[in-house]
Amino acid sequence: MEPARSFRDLKVYQAAREAARLVFDYSKGFPHEERYSLTDQIRRSSPAVKAMIAEAWARRRYKAAFVNKIDEALGEAYETQSWLDDTVDGAYLSKDQFNELDRRYDGIGGMLSRMIDRADDFCKHSPGTDYRSITREEGEFGITDH
């Protein structure tokens, strides 16, 4: 398996992105009176999972910062599951829709927990690394065209 070169290559990011898209799609059917409470909250917490993963990727230079951001992503995933409970209580989602999303966020939570446990595998270098002395590998550029 080829190592991830971008946060977009991470399976957990891809899973969180798809789950957030489903949350957004399903929330379109929520009642209008939930617009500024449940709908707004779940639409904020679900994409925050993928955003925190992206931010953690950028901070993997420092293990503690990486772990902190992955832990925040885990918190957002669990928060989303809490809001999903409210969707069932209010009968805004079918049981099948709830189960699908809840299963996805369980899986995302498991992947994030494993990332925390294996943070050394994701972080670039040891904490004492002098980054000024690291040479770039062939094909590695400081600026990209995208």
N, C-alpha and C. Protein backbone atom coordinates (compact mmCIF):
# COMPACT_ATOMS: atom_id res chain seq x y z
N MET A 1 0.83 -1.18 0.00
CA MET A 1 0.00 0.00 0.00
C MET A 1 0.88 1.25 0.00
N GLU A 2 0.59 2.15 -0.88
CA GLU A 2 1.36 3.39 -1.00
C GLU A 2 0.98 4.35 0.13
N PRO A 3 1.97 5.02 0.73
CA PRO A 3 1.67 5.96 1.81
C PRO A 3 0.87 7.16 1.29
N ALA A 4 0.08 7.72 2.18
CA ALA A 4 -0.73 8.90 1.85
C ALA A 4 0.19 10.09 1.59
N ARG A 5 -0.09 10.83 0.54
CA ARG A 5 0.67 12.03 0.23
C ARG A 5 -0.12 13.29 0.55
N SER A 6 -1.41 13.10 0.85
CA SER A 6 -2.31 14.21 1.15
C SER A 6 -3.36 13.70 2.13
N PHE A 7 -3.96 14.60 2.86
CA PHE A 7 -5.06 14.20 3.75
C PHE A 7 -6.19 13.56 2.95
N ARG A 8 -6.34 13.96 1.69
CA ARG A 8 -7.40 13.39 0.85
C ARG A 8 -7.18 11.92 0.54
N ASP A 9 -5.96 11.44 0.71
CA ASP A 9 -5.65 10.03 0.48
C ASP A 9 -6.05 9.15 1.66
N LEU A 10 -6.29 9.75 2.81
CA LEU A 10 -6.63 8.98 4.02
C LEU A 10 -8.05 8.42 3.92
N LYS A 11 -8.18 7.13 4.19
CA LYS A 11 -9.51 6.49 4.15
C LYS A 11 -10.46 7.14 5.14
N VAL A 12 -9.95 7.56 6.28
CA VAL A 12 -10.80 8.19 7.29
C VAL A 12 -11.33 9.53 6.79
N TYR A 13 -10.50 10.27 6.06
CA TYR A 13 -10.97 11.54 5.49
C TYR A 13 -12.06 11.28 4.46
N GLN A 14 -11.83 10.31 3.60
CA GLN A 14 -12.82 9.96 2.57
C GLN A 14 -14.13 9.52 3.20
N ALA A 15 -14.05 8.72 4.27
CA ALA A 15 -15.25 8.26 4.96
C ALA A 15 -15.98 9.43 5.62
N ALA A 16 -15.24 10.34 6.24
CA ALA A 16 -15.84 11.49 6.90
C ALA A 16 -16.48 12.43 5.89
N ARG A 17 -15.86 12.57 4.74
CA ARG A 17 -16.41 13.43 3.69
C ARG A 17 -17.73 12.87 3.17
N GLU A 18 -17.77 11.57 2.93
CA GLU A 18 -18.99 10.94 2.44
C GLU A 18 -20.10 10.99 3.51
N ALA A 19 -19.74 10.75 4.75
CA ALA A 19 -20.73 10.81 5.83
C ALA A 19 -21.30 12.22 5.97
N ALA A 20 -20.45 13.23 5.88
CA ALA A 20 -20.91 14.63 5.97
C ALA A 20 -21.86 14.96 4.81
N ARG A 21 -21.54 14.44 3.63
CA ARG A 21 -22.41 14.66 2.48
C ARG A 21 -23.79 14.04 2.71
N LEU A 22 -23.81 12.84 3.27
CA LEU A 22 -25.09 12.18 3.57
C LEU A 22 -25.88 12.95 4.63
N VAL A 23 -25.18 13.41 5.66
CA VAL A 23 -25.85 14.21 6.70
C VAL A 23 -26.49 15.43 6.07
N PHE A 24 -25.76 16.11 5.22
CA PHE A 24 -26.30 17.31 4.56
C PHE A 24 -27.53 16.95 3.72
N ASP A 25 -27.41 15.89 2.93
CA ASP A 25 -28.53 15.48 2.08
C ASP A 25 -29.76 15.11 2.91
N TYR A 26 -29.56 14.31 3.94
CA TYR A 26 -30.69 13.89 4.77
C TYR A 26 -31.30 15.07 5.53
N SER A 27 -30.46 16.01 5.94
CA SER A 27 -30.96 17.13 6.74
C SER A 27 -31.82 18.10 5.92
N LYS A 28 -31.79 17.98 4.61
CA LYS A 28 -32.65 18.82 3.78
C LYS A 28 -34.12 18.56 4.07
N GLY A 29 -34.43 17.38 4.58
CA GLY A 29 -35.81 17.03 4.89
C GLY A 29 -36.23 17.32 6.32
N PHE A 30 -35.36 17.90 7.12
CA PHE A 30 -35.71 18.22 8.50
C PHE A 30 -36.74 19.35 8.51
N PRO A 31 -37.58 19.41 9.54
CA PRO A 31 -38.58 20.48 9.62
C PRO A 31 -37.94 21.87 9.68
N HIS A 32 -38.66 22.84 9.15
CA HIS A 32 -38.18 24.22 9.12
C HIS A 32 -37.87 24.74 10.53
N GLU A 33 -38.65 24.34 11.52
CA GLU A 33 -38.41 24.85 12.88
C GLU A 33 -37.10 24.35 13.48
N GLU A 34 -36.48 23.35 12.86
CA GLU A 34 -35.18 22.85 13.34
C GLU A 34 -34.01 23.54 12.65
N ARG A 35 -34.29 24.47 11.76
CA ARG A 35 -33.25 25.10 10.95
C ARG A 35 -32.11 25.69 11.78
N TYR A 36 -32.42 26.39 12.87
CA TYR A 36 -31.37 27.05 13.64
C TYR A 36 -30.95 26.26 14.88
N SER A 37 -31.43 25.06 15.01
CA SER A 37 -30.99 24.24 16.14
C SER A 37 -30.38 22.94 15.62
N LEU A 38 -31.16 21.92 15.50
CA LEU A 38 -30.64 20.61 15.11
C LEU A 38 -29.97 20.64 13.74
N THR A 39 -30.63 21.18 12.75
CA THR A 39 -30.07 21.19 11.39
C THR A 39 -28.73 21.92 11.36
N ASP A 40 -28.68 23.09 11.96
CA ASP A 40 -27.45 23.86 11.98
C ASP A 40 -26.35 23.12 12.73
N GLN A 41 -26.68 22.53 13.86
CA GLN A 41 -25.67 21.86 14.68
C GLN A 41 -25.08 20.64 13.98
N ILE A 42 -25.94 19.81 13.40
CA ILE A 42 -25.42 18.59 12.77
C ILE A 42 -24.70 18.92 11.47
N ARG A 43 -25.10 20.01 10.81
CA ARG A 43 -24.39 20.43 9.60
C ARG A 43 -23.05 21.07 9.92
N ARG A 44 -22.83 21.45 11.16
CA ARG A 44 -21.53 21.98 11.57
C ARG A 44 -20.61 20.87 12.06
N SER A 45 -21.16 19.96 12.87
CA SER A 45 -20.30 18.93 13.46
C SER A 45 -19.85 17.88 12.44
N SER A 46 -20.72 17.53 11.49
CA SER A 46 -20.33 16.46 10.56
C SER A 46 -19.18 16.86 9.63
N PRO A 47 -19.19 18.03 9.00
CA PRO A 47 -18.03 18.37 8.18
C PRO A 47 -16.81 18.77 9.01
N ALA A 48 -17.02 19.11 10.27
CA ALA A 48 -15.89 19.45 11.13
C ALA A 48 -14.97 18.24 11.32
N VAL A 49 -15.52 17.04 11.25
CA VAL A 49 -14.70 15.83 11.38
C VAL A 49 -13.63 15.82 10.29
N LYS A 50 -14.04 15.99 9.05
CA LYS A 50 -13.06 15.96 7.95
C LYS A 50 -12.14 17.18 8.00
N ALA A 51 -12.65 18.31 8.42
CA ALA A 51 -11.80 19.50 8.52
C ALA A 51 -10.71 19.31 9.56
N MET A 52 -11.04 18.69 10.68
CA MET A 52 -10.04 18.45 11.72
C MET A 52 -8.99 17.43 11.26
N ILE A 53 -9.42 16.46 10.47
CA ILE A 53 -8.46 15.49 9.92
C ILE A 53 -7.47 16.21 9.00
N ALA A 54 -7.99 17.09 8.16
CA ALA A 54 -7.12 17.86 7.26
C ALA A 54 -6.15 18.72 8.07
N GLU A 55 -6.65 19.35 9.10
CA GLU A 55 -5.79 20.20 9.93
C GLU A 55 -4.74 19.36 10.66
N ALA A 56 -5.13 18.18 11.13
CA ALA A 56 -4.18 17.29 11.80
C ALA A 56 -3.06 16.90 10.83
N TRP A 57 -3.43 16.63 9.58
CA TRP A 57 -2.42 16.26 8.58
C TRP A 57 -1.38 17.37 8.45
N ALA A 58 -1.84 18.60 8.44
CA ALA A 58 -0.92 19.73 8.31
C ALA A 58 -0.06 19.91 9.55
N ARG A 59 -0.51 19.41 10.68
CA ARG A 59 0.21 19.61 11.94
C ARG A 59 0.99 18.36 12.37
N ARG A 60 1.14 17.39 11.49
CA ARG A 60 1.80 16.15 11.88
C ARG A 60 3.30 16.31 12.12
N ARG A 61 3.79 17.50 11.89
CA ARG A 61 5.19 17.80 12.21
C ARG A 61 5.42 17.66 13.72
N TYR A 62 4.38 17.93 14.49
CA TYR A 62 4.46 17.82 15.95
C TYR A 62 3.42 16.81 16.41
N LYS A 63 3.87 15.72 16.98
CA LYS A 63 2.98 14.63 17.38
C LYS A 63 1.84 15.12 18.29
N ALA A 64 2.17 15.94 19.27
CA ALA A 64 1.13 16.40 20.21
C ALA A 64 0.05 17.20 19.50
N ALA A 65 0.44 18.05 18.56
CA ALA A 65 -0.54 18.83 17.80
C ALA A 65 -1.38 17.93 16.92
N PHE A 66 -0.74 16.94 16.29
CA PHE A 66 -1.44 15.97 15.45
C PHE A 66 -2.49 15.21 16.28
N VAL A 67 -2.07 14.68 17.40
CA VAL A 67 -2.97 13.91 18.26
C VAL A 67 -4.13 14.79 18.75
N ASN A 68 -3.83 16.02 19.10
CA ASN A 68 -4.87 16.94 19.56
C ASN A 68 -5.95 17.13 18.49
N LYS A 69 -5.54 17.36 17.25
CA LYS A 69 -6.51 17.59 16.17
C LYS A 69 -7.30 16.32 15.84
N ILE A 70 -6.64 15.17 15.87
CA ILE A 70 -7.36 13.91 15.63
C ILE A 70 -8.35 13.68 16.76
N ASP A 71 -7.95 14.01 17.99
CA ASP A 71 -8.86 13.89 19.13
C ASP A 71 -10.06 14.82 18.98
N GLU A 72 -9.84 16.02 18.46
CA GLU A 72 -10.95 16.94 18.20
C GLU A 72 -11.88 16.38 17.12
N ALA A 73 -11.30 15.75 16.10
CA ALA A 73 -12.12 15.12 15.05
C ALA A 73 -12.97 14.01 15.65
N LEU A 74 -12.39 13.25 16.56
CA LEU A 74 -13.13 12.19 17.24
C LEU A 74 -14.28 12.78 18.05
N GLY A 75 -14.03 13.88 18.72
CA GLY A 75 -15.09 14.56 19.47
C GLY A 75 -16.21 15.04 18.57
N GLU A 76 -15.87 15.56 17.40
CA GLU A 76 -16.89 16.02 16.45
C GLU A 76 -17.70 14.83 15.91
N ALA A 77 -17.04 13.70 15.70
CA ALA A 77 -17.75 12.51 15.24
C ALA A 77 -18.77 12.05 16.28
N TYR A 78 -18.35 12.04 17.55
CA TYR A 78 -19.28 11.65 18.61
C TYR A 78 -20.39 12.69 18.80
N GLU A 79 -20.04 13.96 18.63
CA GLU A 79 -21.08 14.99 18.70
C GLU A 79 -22.12 14.76 17.60
N THR A 80 -21.65 14.43 16.42
CA THR A 80 -22.58 14.15 15.31
C THR A 80 -23.49 12.99 15.67
N GLN A 81 -22.94 11.95 16.28
CA GLN A 81 -23.77 10.82 16.69
C GLN A 81 -24.82 11.26 17.72
N SER A 82 -24.45 12.18 18.59
CA SER A 82 -25.42 12.69 19.57
C SER A 82 -26.57 13.41 18.87
N TRP A 83 -26.22 14.24 17.87
CA TRP A 83 -27.27 14.93 17.11
C TRP A 83 -28.11 13.92 16.33
N LEU A 84 -27.48 12.85 15.86
CA LEU A 84 -28.25 11.80 15.16
C LEU A 84 -29.29 11.18 16.08
N ASP A 85 -28.96 11.04 17.37
CA ASP A 85 -29.95 10.54 18.33
C ASP A 85 -31.19 11.43 18.34
N ASP A 86 -30.95 12.75 18.26
CA ASP A 86 -32.08 13.69 18.25
C ASP A 86 -32.92 13.56 16.98
N THR A 87 -32.28 13.20 15.88
CA THR A 87 -33.05 13.03 14.64
C THR A 87 -33.99 11.84 14.73
N VAL A 88 -33.56 10.82 15.44
CA VAL A 88 -34.42 9.65 15.64
C VAL A 88 -35.54 10.00 16.62
N ASP A 89 -35.18 10.69 17.70
CA ASP A 89 -36.19 11.08 18.70
C ASP A 89 -37.27 11.96 18.08
N GLY A 90 -36.89 12.81 17.15
CA GLY A 90 -37.86 13.68 16.49
C GLY A 90 -38.49 13.06 15.25
N ALA A 91 -38.09 11.83 14.93
CA ALA A 91 -38.59 11.11 13.75
C ALA A 91 -38.29 11.87 12.45
N TYR A 92 -37.09 12.48 12.39
CA TYR A 92 -36.68 13.23 11.19
C TYR A 92 -35.91 12.35 10.22
N LEU A 93 -35.36 11.25 10.71
CA LEU A 93 -34.69 10.27 9.86
C LEU A 93 -35.37 8.92 10.04
N SER A 94 -35.34 8.13 8.99
CA SER A 94 -35.84 6.76 9.12
C SER A 94 -34.83 5.96 9.95
N LYS A 95 -35.25 4.86 10.46
CA LYS A 95 -34.36 4.00 11.24
C LYS A 95 -33.18 3.54 10.36
N ASP A 96 -33.47 3.25 9.09
CA ASP A 96 -32.40 2.83 8.17
C ASP A 96 -31.38 3.94 7.94
N GLN A 97 -31.86 5.17 7.73
CA GLN A 97 -30.95 6.31 7.54
C GLN A 97 -30.09 6.51 8.79
N PHE A 98 -30.75 6.47 9.96
CA PHE A 98 -30.01 6.62 11.22
C PHE A 98 -28.95 5.54 11.35
N ASN A 99 -29.35 4.28 11.14
CA ASN A 99 -28.40 3.17 11.30
C ASN A 99 -27.22 3.30 10.35
N GLU A 100 -27.48 3.72 9.12
CA GLU A 100 -26.40 3.90 8.15
C GLU A 100 -25.41 4.96 8.64
N LEU A 101 -25.92 6.11 9.05
CA LEU A 101 -25.03 7.18 9.51
C LEU A 101 -24.33 6.81 10.82
N ASP A 102 -25.05 6.21 11.72
CA ASP A 102 -24.46 5.82 13.00
C ASP A 102 -23.34 4.80 12.78
N ARG A 103 -23.55 3.86 11.89
CA ARG A 103 -22.53 2.86 11.55
C ARG A 103 -21.29 3.54 10.95
N ARG A 104 -21.54 4.49 10.05
CA ARG A 104 -20.42 5.20 9.43
C ARG A 104 -19.60 5.96 10.49
N TYR A 105 -20.29 6.66 11.40
CA TYR A 105 -19.56 7.42 12.42
C TYR A 105 -18.88 6.51 13.44
N ASP A 106 -19.45 5.33 13.70
CA ASP A 106 -18.73 4.35 14.53
C ASP A 106 -17.42 3.96 13.87
N GLY A 107 -17.48 3.69 12.57
CA GLY A 107 -16.26 3.32 11.84
C GLY A 107 -15.24 4.44 11.80
N ILE A 108 -15.72 5.65 11.58
CA ILE A 108 -14.82 6.82 11.57
C ILE A 108 -14.17 6.99 12.95
N GLY A 109 -14.96 6.83 14.00
CA GLY A 109 -14.42 6.94 15.36
C GLY A 109 -13.35 5.89 15.62
N GLY A 110 -13.58 4.68 15.13
CA GLY A 110 -12.58 3.62 15.29
C GLY A 110 -11.28 3.94 14.56
N MET A 111 -11.41 4.46 13.33
CA MET A 111 -10.22 4.82 12.55
C MET A 111 -9.45 5.96 13.23
N LEU A 112 -10.19 6.94 13.75
CA LEU A 112 -9.53 8.06 14.43
C LEU A 112 -8.83 7.60 15.70
N SER A 113 -9.45 6.70 16.45
CA SER A 113 -8.82 6.18 17.66
C SER A 113 -7.53 5.44 17.33
N ARG A 114 -7.54 4.68 16.24
CA ARG A 114 -6.33 3.97 15.82
C ARG A 114 -5.25 4.96 15.36
N MET A 115 -5.66 6.06 14.74
CA MET A 115 -4.68 7.07 14.35
C MET A 115 -4.00 7.67 15.57
N ILE A 116 -4.76 7.89 16.62
CA ILE A 116 -4.18 8.43 17.85
C ILE A 116 -3.18 7.42 18.41
N ASP A 117 -3.59 6.15 18.44
CA ASP A 117 -2.71 5.11 18.98
C ASP A 117 -1.44 4.93 18.14
N ARG A 118 -1.51 5.22 16.85
CA ARG A 118 -0.39 5.03 15.93
C ARG A 118 0.14 6.37 15.41
N ALA A 119 0.06 7.39 16.21
CA ALA A 119 0.45 8.74 15.78
C ALA A 119 1.87 8.78 15.23
N ASP A 120 2.77 8.00 15.78
CA ASP A 120 4.14 8.00 15.29
C ASP A 120 4.22 7.60 13.82
N ASP A 121 3.30 6.76 13.37
CA ASP A 121 3.29 6.32 11.97
C ASP A 121 2.89 7.46 11.03
N PHE A 122 2.19 8.45 11.55
CA PHE A 122 1.69 9.55 10.72
C PHE A 122 2.57 10.79 10.78
N CYS A 123 3.25 10.96 11.90
CA CYS A 123 4.05 12.17 12.07
C CYS A 123 5.35 12.03 11.30
N LYS A 124 5.75 13.10 10.67
CA LYS A 124 6.87 13.08 9.73
C LYS A 124 8.21 12.72 10.35
N HIS A 125 8.59 13.39 11.39
CA HIS A 125 9.92 13.25 11.94
C HIS A 125 9.85 13.29 13.47
N SER A 126 10.94 12.95 14.10
CA SER A 126 10.98 13.00 15.56
C SER A 126 10.92 14.46 16.03
N PRO A 127 10.47 14.68 17.27
CA PRO A 127 10.31 16.05 17.77
C PRO A 127 11.57 16.91 17.71
N GLY A 128 12.75 16.31 17.82
CA GLY A 128 13.98 17.08 17.82
C GLY A 128 14.56 17.36 16.45
N THR A 129 13.83 17.06 15.39
CA THR A 129 14.34 17.22 14.04
C THR A 129 14.61 18.69 13.70
N ASP A 130 15.76 18.94 13.11
CA ASP A 130 16.08 20.26 12.59
C ASP A 130 15.60 20.27 11.13
N TYR A 131 14.49 20.90 10.87
CA TYR A 131 13.86 20.87 9.55
C TYR A 131 14.68 21.61 8.49
N ARG A 132 15.60 22.44 8.92
CA ARG A 132 16.45 23.15 7.95
C ARG A 132 17.43 22.21 7.28
N SER A 133 17.70 21.06 7.92
CA SER A 133 18.69 20.14 7.37
C SER A 133 18.08 19.03 6.51
N ILE A 134 16.77 19.00 6.38
CA ILE A 134 16.12 17.96 5.59
C ILE A 134 16.15 18.34 4.12
N THR A 135 16.66 17.44 3.32
CA THR A 135 16.69 17.68 1.88
C THR A 135 15.44 17.11 1.24
N ARG A 136 15.03 17.72 0.17
CA ARG A 136 13.84 17.26 -0.54
C ARG A 136 14.19 16.08 -1.42
N GLU A 137 13.21 15.18 -1.53
CA GLU A 137 13.38 14.04 -2.42
C GLU A 137 13.06 14.47 -3.84
N GLU A 138 13.57 13.72 -4.79
CA GLU A 138 13.31 14.02 -6.20
C GLU A 138 11.80 14.01 -6.45
N GLY A 139 11.31 15.01 -7.14
CA GLY A 139 9.87 15.10 -7.44
C GLY A 139 9.07 15.79 -6.36
N GLU A 140 9.70 16.18 -5.27
CA GLU A 140 9.01 16.86 -4.18
C GLU A 140 9.25 18.36 -4.32
N PHE A 141 8.20 19.12 -4.51
CA PHE A 141 8.31 20.55 -4.76
C PHE A 141 7.65 21.33 -3.64
N GLY A 142 8.14 22.51 -3.40
CA GLY A 142 7.57 23.37 -2.38
C GLY A 142 6.26 24.02 -2.83
N ILE A 143 6.11 24.20 -4.13
CA ILE A 143 4.92 24.84 -4.67
C ILE A 143 4.32 23.90 -5.70
N THR A 144 3.02 23.77 -5.67
CA THR A 144 2.36 22.91 -6.65
C THR A 144 1.51 23.77 -7.58
N ASP A 145 1.06 23.16 -8.65
CA ASP A 145 0.25 23.88 -9.61
C ASP A 145 -1.24 23.76 -9.34
N HIS A 146 -1.60 23.24 -8.17
CA HIS A 146 -3.03 23.15 -7.83
C HIS A 146 -3.34 23.73 -6.49
